[in-house]
């Protein structure tokens, strides 16, 4: 998936591919990430950063946080991005808010959110980790794969990965041919 764009994956039109709603965006330029998903669902009464999720994350994973769409407090910032980088996490996608954009940009950590706010988290509890979540209007399972770039977020069902990779590479090859023709 690192050789194709989110658009090329979306253009496969396969059943195992879901394009997330467009209200999720990169928090800084030149931002892209690919990897298997590790999820966190935040408790609505105690918004917090998914630190426990980072403690159990595996190298190469992308953290997907369902904050229930709450954007009044950031559940992620530059310190968590530094921690994620140290443990080998590839990036974060959340339907919540992120803060400390300049610090995140400085370390080059791929971060995608619904909103930005300077407000930090007020709670200290996560509701659940590595469970199905809903982000960007799509149900996402742990182990699914995300392909994210400045254009958008695409989720590939873990059972469809091989089929989608082959189809996305075919789309990319066709587009290279069209570009050369133009």
N, C-alpha and C. Protein backbone atom coordinates (compact mmCIF):
# COMPACT_ATOMS: atom_id res chain seq x y z
N UNK A 1 0.81 -1.21 0.00
CA UNK A 1 0.00 0.00 0.00
C UNK A 1 0.85 1.27 0.00
N UNK A 2 2.12 1.16 0.37
CA UNK A 2 2.97 2.35 0.37
C UNK A 2 3.25 2.87 -1.04
N UNK A 3 3.00 2.05 -2.05
CA UNK A 3 3.26 2.46 -3.44
C UNK A 3 2.03 3.05 -4.13
N UNK A 4 0.91 3.14 -3.42
CA UNK A 4 -0.32 3.67 -4.04
C UNK A 4 -0.91 4.77 -3.16
N UNK A 5 -1.76 5.58 -3.77
CA UNK A 5 -2.41 6.67 -3.04
C UNK A 5 -3.77 6.23 -2.51
N UNK A 6 -4.33 7.05 -1.64
CA UNK A 6 -5.68 6.76 -1.14
C UNK A 6 -6.67 6.76 -2.29
N UNK A 7 -6.47 7.65 -3.26
CA UNK A 7 -7.36 7.69 -4.43
C UNK A 7 -7.28 6.43 -5.27
N UNK A 8 -6.08 5.91 -5.44
CA UNK A 8 -5.93 4.68 -6.23
C UNK A 8 -6.57 3.50 -5.51
N UNK A 9 -6.48 3.45 -4.19
CA UNK A 9 -7.16 2.39 -3.43
C UNK A 9 -8.67 2.56 -3.56
N UNK A 10 -9.16 3.79 -3.41
CA UNK A 10 -10.59 4.05 -3.52
C UNK A 10 -11.11 3.69 -4.91
N UNK A 11 -10.31 3.95 -5.94
CA UNK A 11 -10.72 3.68 -7.31
C UNK A 11 -10.84 2.20 -7.65
N UNK A 12 -10.41 1.32 -6.74
CA UNK A 12 -10.60 -0.11 -6.99
C UNK A 12 -12.08 -0.48 -6.93
N UNK A 13 -12.86 0.31 -6.19
CA UNK A 13 -14.31 0.09 -6.03
C UNK A 13 -14.65 -1.29 -5.49
N UNK A 14 -13.73 -1.90 -4.76
CA UNK A 14 -13.97 -3.23 -4.22
C UNK A 14 -14.77 -3.15 -2.92
N UNK A 15 -15.47 -4.24 -2.60
CA UNK A 15 -16.30 -4.28 -1.40
C UNK A 15 -15.50 -4.10 -0.11
N UNK A 16 -14.25 -4.51 -0.07
CA UNK A 16 -13.45 -4.41 1.13
C UNK A 16 -12.84 -3.05 1.37
N UNK A 17 -13.19 -2.05 0.54
CA UNK A 17 -12.62 -0.71 0.65
C UNK A 17 -13.69 0.28 1.09
N UNK A 18 -13.38 1.08 2.10
CA UNK A 18 -14.30 2.11 2.58
C UNK A 18 -13.56 3.44 2.65
N UNK A 19 -14.14 4.46 2.02
CA UNK A 19 -13.59 5.81 2.09
C UNK A 19 -14.27 6.53 3.24
N UNK A 20 -13.47 7.07 4.15
CA UNK A 20 -14.03 7.78 5.30
C UNK A 20 -14.51 9.17 4.89
N UNK A 21 -15.44 9.70 5.67
CA UNK A 21 -15.99 11.03 5.39
C UNK A 21 -14.87 12.05 5.30
N UNK A 22 -15.11 13.08 4.51
CA UNK A 22 -14.06 14.05 4.21
C UNK A 22 -13.79 15.06 5.33
N UNK A 23 -14.43 14.94 6.48
CA UNK A 23 -14.15 15.90 7.55
C UNK A 23 -12.90 15.53 8.35
N UNK A 24 -12.19 14.48 7.96
CA UNK A 24 -10.93 14.13 8.59
C UNK A 24 -9.80 14.62 7.70
N UNK A 25 -8.87 15.37 8.25
CA UNK A 25 -7.80 15.90 7.42
C UNK A 25 -6.45 15.85 8.09
N UNK A 26 -5.40 15.99 7.27
CA UNK A 26 -4.03 16.03 7.77
C UNK A 26 -3.84 17.30 8.60
N UNK A 27 -3.12 17.17 9.70
CA UNK A 27 -2.88 18.34 10.53
C UNK A 27 -1.65 19.13 10.08
N UNK A 28 -0.87 18.57 9.15
CA UNK A 28 0.24 19.31 8.55
C UNK A 28 0.48 18.76 7.15
N UNK A 29 1.22 19.51 6.35
CA UNK A 29 1.42 19.15 4.94
C UNK A 29 2.36 17.96 4.78
N UNK A 30 2.34 17.39 3.58
CA UNK A 30 3.21 16.25 3.24
C UNK A 30 3.06 15.11 4.23
N UNK A 31 1.83 14.76 4.52
CA UNK A 31 1.51 13.80 5.55
C UNK A 31 0.83 12.58 4.91
N UNK A 32 1.40 11.41 5.09
CA UNK A 32 0.74 10.20 4.64
C UNK A 32 1.16 9.06 5.57
N UNK A 33 0.30 8.04 5.65
CA UNK A 33 0.58 6.90 6.51
C UNK A 33 -0.19 5.69 6.01
N UNK A 34 0.44 4.53 6.18
CA UNK A 34 -0.16 3.25 5.82
C UNK A 34 0.16 2.28 6.95
N UNK A 35 -0.80 1.45 7.31
CA UNK A 35 -0.50 0.42 8.30
C UNK A 35 -1.73 -0.25 8.84
N UNK A 36 -1.50 -1.36 9.55
CA UNK A 36 -2.61 -2.03 10.21
C UNK A 36 -3.12 -1.19 11.37
N UNK A 37 -4.39 -1.33 11.66
CA UNK A 37 -5.06 -0.50 12.65
C UNK A 37 -5.01 -1.11 14.04
N UNK A 38 -4.72 -0.25 15.01
CA UNK A 38 -4.94 -0.55 16.44
C UNK A 38 -5.91 0.53 16.90
N UNK A 39 -6.99 0.15 17.54
CA UNK A 39 -8.06 1.10 17.87
C UNK A 39 -8.11 1.45 19.35
N UNK A 40 -8.73 2.60 19.60
CA UNK A 40 -9.07 3.02 20.96
C UNK A 40 -10.39 3.75 20.89
N UNK A 41 -11.25 3.50 21.86
CA UNK A 41 -12.52 4.22 21.97
C UNK A 41 -12.48 4.97 23.29
N UNK A 42 -12.64 6.28 23.21
CA UNK A 42 -12.53 7.10 24.42
C UNK A 42 -13.87 7.22 25.11
N UNK A 43 -13.84 7.19 26.42
CA UNK A 43 -15.03 7.36 27.25
C UNK A 43 -15.55 8.79 27.09
N UNK A 44 -16.83 8.95 26.75
CA UNK A 44 -17.35 10.30 26.54
C UNK A 44 -17.27 11.19 27.77
N UNK A 45 -17.24 10.62 28.96
CA UNK A 45 -17.19 11.46 30.16
C UNK A 45 -15.77 11.72 30.63
N UNK A 46 -14.79 11.10 30.01
CA UNK A 46 -13.40 11.26 30.46
C UNK A 46 -12.45 11.22 29.28
N UNK A 47 -12.51 12.23 28.43
CA UNK A 47 -11.67 12.28 27.26
C UNK A 47 -10.20 12.26 27.66
N UNK A 48 -9.45 11.36 27.04
CA UNK A 48 -8.02 11.29 27.35
C UNK A 48 -7.26 10.80 26.14
N UNK A 49 -5.96 10.90 26.20
CA UNK A 49 -5.11 10.37 25.13
C UNK A 49 -4.99 8.87 25.29
N UNK A 50 -4.86 8.16 24.19
CA UNK A 50 -4.77 6.69 24.26
C UNK A 50 -3.36 6.21 24.62
N UNK A 51 -2.88 6.61 25.79
CA UNK A 51 -1.54 6.22 26.21
C UNK A 51 -1.44 4.72 26.39
N UNK A 52 -2.44 4.09 26.99
CA UNK A 52 -2.41 2.65 27.18
C UNK A 52 -2.37 1.92 25.84
N UNK A 53 -3.03 2.49 24.83
CA UNK A 53 -2.99 1.90 23.50
C UNK A 53 -1.57 1.95 22.95
N UNK A 54 -0.87 3.06 23.17
CA UNK A 54 0.52 3.17 22.71
C UNK A 54 1.41 2.17 23.42
N UNK A 55 1.14 1.91 24.69
CA UNK A 55 1.96 0.96 25.45
C UNK A 55 1.86 -0.45 24.91
N UNK A 56 0.73 -0.78 24.26
CA UNK A 56 0.57 -2.13 23.72
C UNK A 56 0.68 -2.17 22.19
N UNK A 57 0.93 -1.03 21.56
CA UNK A 57 1.00 -0.98 20.10
C UNK A 57 2.23 -1.70 19.58
N UNK A 58 2.09 -2.20 18.36
CA UNK A 58 3.20 -2.86 17.69
C UNK A 58 3.75 -1.95 16.60
N UNK A 59 5.02 -2.11 16.32
CA UNK A 59 5.67 -1.30 15.31
C UNK A 59 4.93 -1.39 13.98
N UNK A 60 4.74 -0.24 13.35
CA UNK A 60 4.09 -0.18 12.05
C UNK A 60 2.60 0.04 12.09
N UNK A 61 2.00 -0.02 13.27
CA UNK A 61 0.55 0.17 13.37
C UNK A 61 0.17 1.64 13.27
N UNK A 62 -1.10 1.87 12.93
CA UNK A 62 -1.69 3.21 12.92
C UNK A 62 -2.78 3.20 13.98
N UNK A 63 -2.73 4.17 14.88
CA UNK A 63 -3.75 4.26 15.94
C UNK A 63 -4.97 4.96 15.36
N UNK A 64 -6.14 4.35 15.51
CA UNK A 64 -7.41 4.96 15.09
C UNK A 64 -8.23 5.15 16.36
N UNK A 65 -8.52 6.42 16.67
CA UNK A 65 -9.20 6.76 17.92
C UNK A 65 -10.61 7.26 17.62
N UNK A 66 -11.59 6.58 18.19
CA UNK A 66 -12.98 7.02 18.13
C UNK A 66 -13.24 7.88 19.36
N UNK A 67 -13.26 9.19 19.16
CA UNK A 67 -13.53 10.13 20.25
C UNK A 67 -14.99 10.55 20.24
N UNK A 68 -15.80 9.82 19.51
CA UNK A 68 -17.22 10.13 19.45
C UNK A 68 -17.51 11.46 18.78
N UNK A 69 -16.55 11.96 18.02
CA UNK A 69 -16.75 13.23 17.33
C UNK A 69 -16.58 14.45 18.22
N UNK A 70 -16.18 14.24 19.48
CA UNK A 70 -16.00 15.37 20.40
C UNK A 70 -14.73 16.13 20.03
N UNK A 71 -14.86 17.43 19.82
CA UNK A 71 -13.72 18.22 19.37
C UNK A 71 -13.38 19.38 20.31
N UNK A 72 -14.00 19.44 21.47
CA UNK A 72 -13.73 20.52 22.41
C UNK A 72 -12.42 20.37 23.15
N UNK A 73 -11.90 19.14 23.21
CA UNK A 73 -10.64 18.85 23.87
C UNK A 73 -9.83 17.95 22.96
N UNK A 74 -8.53 18.18 22.92
CA UNK A 74 -7.65 17.34 22.11
C UNK A 74 -7.26 16.09 22.88
N UNK A 75 -7.36 14.97 22.25
CA UNK A 75 -6.93 13.71 22.84
C UNK A 75 -5.54 13.31 22.37
N UNK A 76 -4.89 14.20 21.61
CA UNK A 76 -3.57 13.87 21.05
C UNK A 76 -2.80 15.16 20.84
N UNK A 77 -1.49 15.12 21.01
CA UNK A 77 -0.64 16.27 20.77
C UNK A 77 0.78 15.86 20.46
N UNK A 78 1.71 16.79 20.61
CA UNK A 78 3.10 16.52 20.23
C UNK A 78 3.79 15.51 21.15
N UNK A 79 3.47 15.51 22.44
CA UNK A 79 4.11 14.55 23.35
C UNK A 79 3.70 13.13 23.03
N UNK A 80 2.42 12.92 22.75
CA UNK A 80 1.96 11.58 22.39
C UNK A 80 2.51 11.17 21.03
N UNK A 81 2.67 12.14 20.14
CA UNK A 81 3.28 11.85 18.83
C UNK A 81 4.73 11.42 19.00
N UNK A 82 5.46 12.09 19.91
CA UNK A 82 6.85 11.70 20.18
C UNK A 82 6.90 10.29 20.77
N UNK A 83 5.99 10.01 21.69
CA UNK A 83 5.92 8.67 22.30
C UNK A 83 5.59 7.62 21.23
N UNK A 84 4.62 7.93 20.38
CA UNK A 84 4.23 7.01 19.31
C UNK A 84 5.41 6.74 18.38
N UNK A 85 6.14 7.78 18.04
CA UNK A 85 7.31 7.63 17.17
C UNK A 85 8.34 6.72 17.85
N UNK A 86 8.55 6.91 19.14
CA UNK A 86 9.53 6.11 19.87
C UNK A 86 9.18 4.63 19.90
N UNK A 87 7.89 4.30 19.92
CA UNK A 87 7.49 2.89 19.95
C UNK A 87 7.22 2.33 18.55
N UNK A 88 7.41 3.16 17.51
CA UNK A 88 7.30 2.67 16.15
C UNK A 88 5.92 2.75 15.53
N UNK A 89 5.00 3.48 16.15
CA UNK A 89 3.66 3.65 15.58
C UNK A 89 3.78 4.57 14.36
N UNK A 90 3.07 4.24 13.28
CA UNK A 90 3.19 4.99 12.03
C UNK A 90 2.40 6.29 11.99
N UNK A 91 1.28 6.41 12.73
CA UNK A 91 0.47 7.61 12.67
C UNK A 91 -0.80 7.46 13.47
N UNK A 92 -1.64 8.51 13.42
CA UNK A 92 -2.92 8.50 14.12
C UNK A 92 -4.00 9.08 13.22
N UNK A 93 -5.19 8.50 13.35
CA UNK A 93 -6.40 9.02 12.72
C UNK A 93 -7.45 9.09 13.82
N UNK A 94 -8.12 10.25 13.96
CA UNK A 94 -9.15 10.37 14.99
C UNK A 94 -10.30 11.25 14.52
N UNK A 95 -11.50 10.93 14.99
CA UNK A 95 -12.65 11.80 14.73
C UNK A 95 -12.79 12.83 15.83
N UNK A 96 -11.76 12.97 16.64
CA UNK A 96 -11.70 14.00 17.67
C UNK A 96 -10.76 15.12 17.25
N UNK A 97 -10.23 15.81 18.25
CA UNK A 97 -9.34 16.95 17.98
C UNK A 97 -7.90 16.61 18.35
N UNK A 98 -6.99 17.35 17.71
CA UNK A 98 -5.55 17.25 17.96
C UNK A 98 -5.03 18.64 18.26
N UNK A 99 -3.94 18.71 19.04
CA UNK A 99 -3.32 20.00 19.34
C UNK A 99 -1.82 19.91 19.08
N UNK A 100 -1.10 20.99 19.30
CA UNK A 100 0.36 21.04 19.19
C UNK A 100 0.85 20.71 17.78
N UNK A 101 0.20 21.30 16.79
CA UNK A 101 0.49 21.00 15.39
C UNK A 101 1.96 21.25 15.04
N UNK A 102 2.53 22.35 15.49
CA UNK A 102 3.92 22.63 15.12
C UNK A 102 4.87 21.56 15.65
N UNK A 103 4.65 21.07 16.86
CA UNK A 103 5.48 20.00 17.41
C UNK A 103 5.30 18.70 16.65
N UNK A 104 4.07 18.39 16.27
CA UNK A 104 3.80 17.17 15.49
C UNK A 104 4.48 17.27 14.12
N UNK A 105 4.37 18.45 13.51
CA UNK A 105 5.01 18.67 12.20
C UNK A 105 6.53 18.57 12.32
N UNK A 106 7.10 19.14 13.39
CA UNK A 106 8.55 19.12 13.56
C UNK A 106 9.12 17.71 13.63
N UNK A 107 8.39 16.79 14.24
CA UNK A 107 8.89 15.40 14.29
C UNK A 107 8.42 14.58 13.09
N UNK A 108 7.57 15.18 12.26
CA UNK A 108 7.13 14.50 11.03
C UNK A 108 6.16 13.37 11.27
N UNK A 109 5.39 13.45 12.34
CA UNK A 109 4.45 12.37 12.66
C UNK A 109 3.15 12.56 11.89
N UNK A 110 2.70 11.56 11.12
CA UNK A 110 1.44 11.66 10.38
C UNK A 110 0.24 11.66 11.33
N UNK A 111 -0.54 12.74 11.30
CA UNK A 111 -1.69 12.88 12.18
C UNK A 111 -2.87 13.43 11.39
N UNK A 112 -4.02 12.81 11.57
CA UNK A 112 -5.24 13.17 10.85
C UNK A 112 -6.36 13.27 11.86
N UNK A 113 -7.11 14.37 11.81
CA UNK A 113 -8.17 14.57 12.80
C UNK A 113 -9.35 15.31 12.19
N UNK A 114 -10.40 15.39 12.99
CA UNK A 114 -11.60 16.14 12.59
C UNK A 114 -11.45 17.62 12.87
N UNK A 115 -10.62 17.96 13.89
CA UNK A 115 -10.49 19.36 14.29
C UNK A 115 -9.17 19.58 15.02
N UNK A 116 -8.87 20.85 15.23
CA UNK A 116 -7.72 21.28 16.02
C UNK A 116 -8.24 22.15 17.17
N UNK A 117 -7.60 22.04 18.32
CA UNK A 117 -7.94 22.90 19.46
C UNK A 117 -6.74 22.97 20.38
N UNK A 118 -6.54 24.09 21.06
CA UNK A 118 -5.46 24.15 22.05
C UNK A 118 -5.81 23.47 23.37
N UNK A 119 -7.10 23.17 23.60
CA UNK A 119 -7.52 22.54 24.85
C UNK A 119 -7.00 21.12 24.95
N UNK A 120 -6.36 20.82 26.08
CA UNK A 120 -5.88 19.47 26.33
C UNK A 120 -6.97 18.60 26.93
N UNK A 121 -6.70 17.31 27.08
CA UNK A 121 -7.69 16.40 27.64
C UNK A 121 -7.89 16.64 29.13
N UNK A 122 -9.11 16.43 29.60
CA UNK A 122 -9.40 16.62 31.02
C UNK A 122 -9.56 15.31 31.76
N UNK A 123 -9.74 14.24 31.06
CA UNK A 123 -9.97 12.95 31.70
C UNK A 123 -8.74 12.07 31.70
N UNK A 124 -8.88 10.90 32.28
CA UNK A 124 -7.74 10.00 32.36
C UNK A 124 -8.10 8.55 32.07
N UNK A 125 -9.27 8.33 31.51
CA UNK A 125 -9.70 6.95 31.25
C UNK A 125 -10.03 6.73 29.78
N UNK A 126 -9.64 5.56 29.29
CA UNK A 126 -10.08 5.11 27.99
C UNK A 126 -11.24 4.16 28.24
N UNK A 127 -12.19 4.13 27.32
CA UNK A 127 -13.30 3.19 27.49
C UNK A 127 -12.85 1.79 27.08
N UNK A 128 -12.32 1.66 25.88
CA UNK A 128 -11.93 0.34 25.40
C UNK A 128 -10.78 0.45 24.42
N UNK A 129 -10.01 -0.62 24.31
CA UNK A 129 -8.90 -0.67 23.36
C UNK A 129 -9.03 -1.88 22.46
N UNK A 130 -8.60 -1.70 21.23
CA UNK A 130 -8.57 -2.75 20.22
C UNK A 130 -9.94 -3.43 20.07
N UNK A 131 -10.95 -2.58 19.88
CA UNK A 131 -12.32 -3.02 19.64
C UNK A 131 -12.81 -2.33 18.37
N UNK A 132 -13.89 -2.82 17.75
CA UNK A 132 -14.43 -2.11 16.59
C UNK A 132 -14.81 -0.68 16.97
N UNK A 133 -14.48 0.27 16.09
CA UNK A 133 -14.81 1.68 16.30
C UNK A 133 -15.49 2.23 15.05
N UNK A 134 -16.11 3.39 15.20
CA UNK A 134 -16.70 4.08 14.06
C UNK A 134 -16.05 5.44 13.95
N UNK A 135 -15.33 5.65 12.87
CA UNK A 135 -14.63 6.91 12.60
C UNK A 135 -14.90 7.27 11.15
N UNK A 136 -15.24 8.53 10.92
CA UNK A 136 -15.48 8.98 9.55
C UNK A 136 -16.64 8.28 8.88
N UNK A 137 -17.62 7.86 9.69
CA UNK A 137 -18.80 7.20 9.15
C UNK A 137 -18.60 5.74 8.79
N UNK A 138 -17.45 5.17 9.15
CA UNK A 138 -17.16 3.78 8.79
C UNK A 138 -16.82 2.96 10.03
N UNK A 139 -17.23 1.71 9.99
CA UNK A 139 -16.85 0.77 11.04
C UNK A 139 -15.44 0.27 10.72
N UNK A 140 -14.56 0.34 11.72
CA UNK A 140 -13.16 -0.06 11.54
C UNK A 140 -12.82 -1.09 12.59
N UNK A 141 -12.25 -2.18 12.16
CA UNK A 141 -11.88 -3.28 13.04
C UNK A 141 -10.37 -3.26 13.30
N UNK A 142 -9.94 -3.67 14.48
CA UNK A 142 -8.50 -3.84 14.68
C UNK A 142 -7.95 -4.80 13.63
N UNK A 143 -6.80 -4.46 13.07
CA UNK A 143 -6.20 -5.31 12.04
C UNK A 143 -6.57 -4.92 10.63
N UNK A 144 -7.62 -4.09 10.44
CA UNK A 144 -7.87 -3.53 9.11
C UNK A 144 -6.65 -2.69 8.74
N UNK A 145 -6.56 -2.27 7.51
CA UNK A 145 -5.42 -1.47 7.06
C UNK A 145 -5.94 -0.11 6.62
N UNK A 146 -5.23 0.96 7.04
CA UNK A 146 -5.58 2.30 6.58
C UNK A 146 -4.52 2.78 5.60
N UNK A 147 -5.00 3.49 4.57
CA UNK A 147 -4.15 4.17 3.61
C UNK A 147 -4.60 5.62 3.67
N UNK A 148 -3.71 6.49 4.15
CA UNK A 148 -4.09 7.87 4.43
C UNK A 148 -3.07 8.81 3.81
N UNK A 149 -3.57 9.84 3.14
CA UNK A 149 -2.71 10.90 2.64
C UNK A 149 -3.50 12.20 2.68
N UNK A 150 -2.95 13.25 2.11
CA UNK A 150 -3.60 14.56 2.19
C UNK A 150 -4.97 14.58 1.51
N UNK A 151 -5.24 13.60 0.64
CA UNK A 151 -6.52 13.53 -0.04
C UNK A 151 -7.61 12.93 0.83
N UNK A 152 -7.25 11.97 1.69
CA UNK A 152 -8.27 11.36 2.52
C UNK A 152 -7.82 10.06 3.17
N UNK A 153 -8.80 9.41 3.80
CA UNK A 153 -8.57 8.19 4.56
C UNK A 153 -9.38 7.06 3.94
N UNK A 154 -8.69 5.97 3.65
CA UNK A 154 -9.34 4.78 3.10
C UNK A 154 -9.02 3.60 4.02
N UNK A 155 -10.03 2.80 4.33
CA UNK A 155 -9.85 1.62 5.17
C UNK A 155 -10.07 0.38 4.31
N UNK A 156 -9.18 -0.59 4.47
CA UNK A 156 -9.28 -1.86 3.76
C UNK A 156 -9.53 -2.95 4.79
N UNK A 157 -10.62 -3.70 4.61
CA UNK A 157 -10.91 -4.83 5.51
C UNK A 157 -9.72 -5.79 5.48
N UNK A 158 -9.34 -6.27 6.66
CA UNK A 158 -8.16 -7.13 6.73
C UNK A 158 -8.27 -8.37 5.86
N UNK A 159 -9.47 -8.86 5.62
CA UNK A 159 -9.65 -10.03 4.78
C UNK A 159 -9.54 -9.75 3.29
N UNK A 160 -9.52 -8.48 2.90
CA UNK A 160 -9.47 -8.11 1.48
C UNK A 160 -8.14 -7.50 1.07
N UNK A 161 -7.16 -7.52 1.95
CA UNK A 161 -5.90 -6.81 1.71
C UNK A 161 -5.22 -7.23 0.41
N UNK A 162 -5.02 -8.50 0.21
CA UNK A 162 -4.29 -8.97 -0.99
C UNK A 162 -5.01 -8.56 -2.27
N UNK A 163 -6.32 -8.77 -2.31
CA UNK A 163 -7.12 -8.41 -3.48
C UNK A 163 -7.04 -6.91 -3.76
N UNK A 164 -7.13 -6.11 -2.71
CA UNK A 164 -7.11 -4.65 -2.87
C UNK A 164 -5.73 -4.17 -3.29
N UNK A 165 -4.66 -4.74 -2.74
CA UNK A 165 -3.31 -4.35 -3.16
C UNK A 165 -3.15 -4.58 -4.65
N UNK A 166 -3.52 -5.76 -5.12
CA UNK A 166 -3.38 -6.07 -6.55
C UNK A 166 -4.18 -5.09 -7.40
N UNK A 167 -5.42 -4.83 -7.00
CA UNK A 167 -6.28 -3.93 -7.78
C UNK A 167 -5.76 -2.49 -7.73
N UNK A 168 -5.28 -2.04 -6.58
CA UNK A 168 -4.77 -0.67 -6.46
C UNK A 168 -3.50 -0.49 -7.28
N UNK A 169 -2.65 -1.49 -7.31
CA UNK A 169 -1.44 -1.41 -8.14
C UNK A 169 -1.81 -1.37 -9.62
N UNK A 170 -2.86 -2.09 -10.02
CA UNK A 170 -3.33 -2.03 -11.42
C UNK A 170 -3.87 -0.64 -11.74
N UNK A 171 -4.60 -0.04 -10.80
CA UNK A 171 -5.11 1.33 -11.01
C UNK A 171 -3.93 2.29 -11.14
N UNK A 172 -2.93 2.17 -10.29
CA UNK A 172 -1.77 3.06 -10.33
C UNK A 172 -1.03 2.91 -11.65
N UNK A 173 -0.87 1.71 -12.14
CA UNK A 173 -0.21 1.46 -13.42
C UNK A 173 -1.00 2.08 -14.57
N UNK A 174 -2.30 1.91 -14.56
CA UNK A 174 -3.15 2.50 -15.59
C UNK A 174 -3.03 4.02 -15.58
N UNK A 175 -3.02 4.62 -14.38
CA UNK A 175 -2.90 6.07 -14.27
C UNK A 175 -1.54 6.57 -14.76
N UNK A 176 -0.46 5.79 -14.50
CA UNK A 176 0.85 6.17 -15.02
C UNK A 176 0.82 6.19 -16.55
N UNK A 177 0.15 5.22 -17.15
CA UNK A 177 0.01 5.18 -18.61
C UNK A 177 -0.76 6.36 -19.15
N UNK A 178 -1.84 6.72 -18.48
CA UNK A 178 -2.64 7.88 -18.90
C UNK A 178 -1.81 9.15 -18.78
N UNK A 179 -1.05 9.28 -17.68
CA UNK A 179 -0.20 10.46 -17.48
C UNK A 179 0.83 10.58 -18.59
N UNK A 180 1.45 9.46 -18.96
CA UNK A 180 2.44 9.48 -20.06
C UNK A 180 1.76 9.87 -21.38
N UNK A 181 0.58 9.36 -21.60
CA UNK A 181 -0.16 9.68 -22.82
C UNK A 181 -0.48 11.18 -22.88
N UNK A 182 -0.87 11.74 -21.78
CA UNK A 182 -1.22 13.17 -21.71
C UNK A 182 0.02 14.00 -21.99
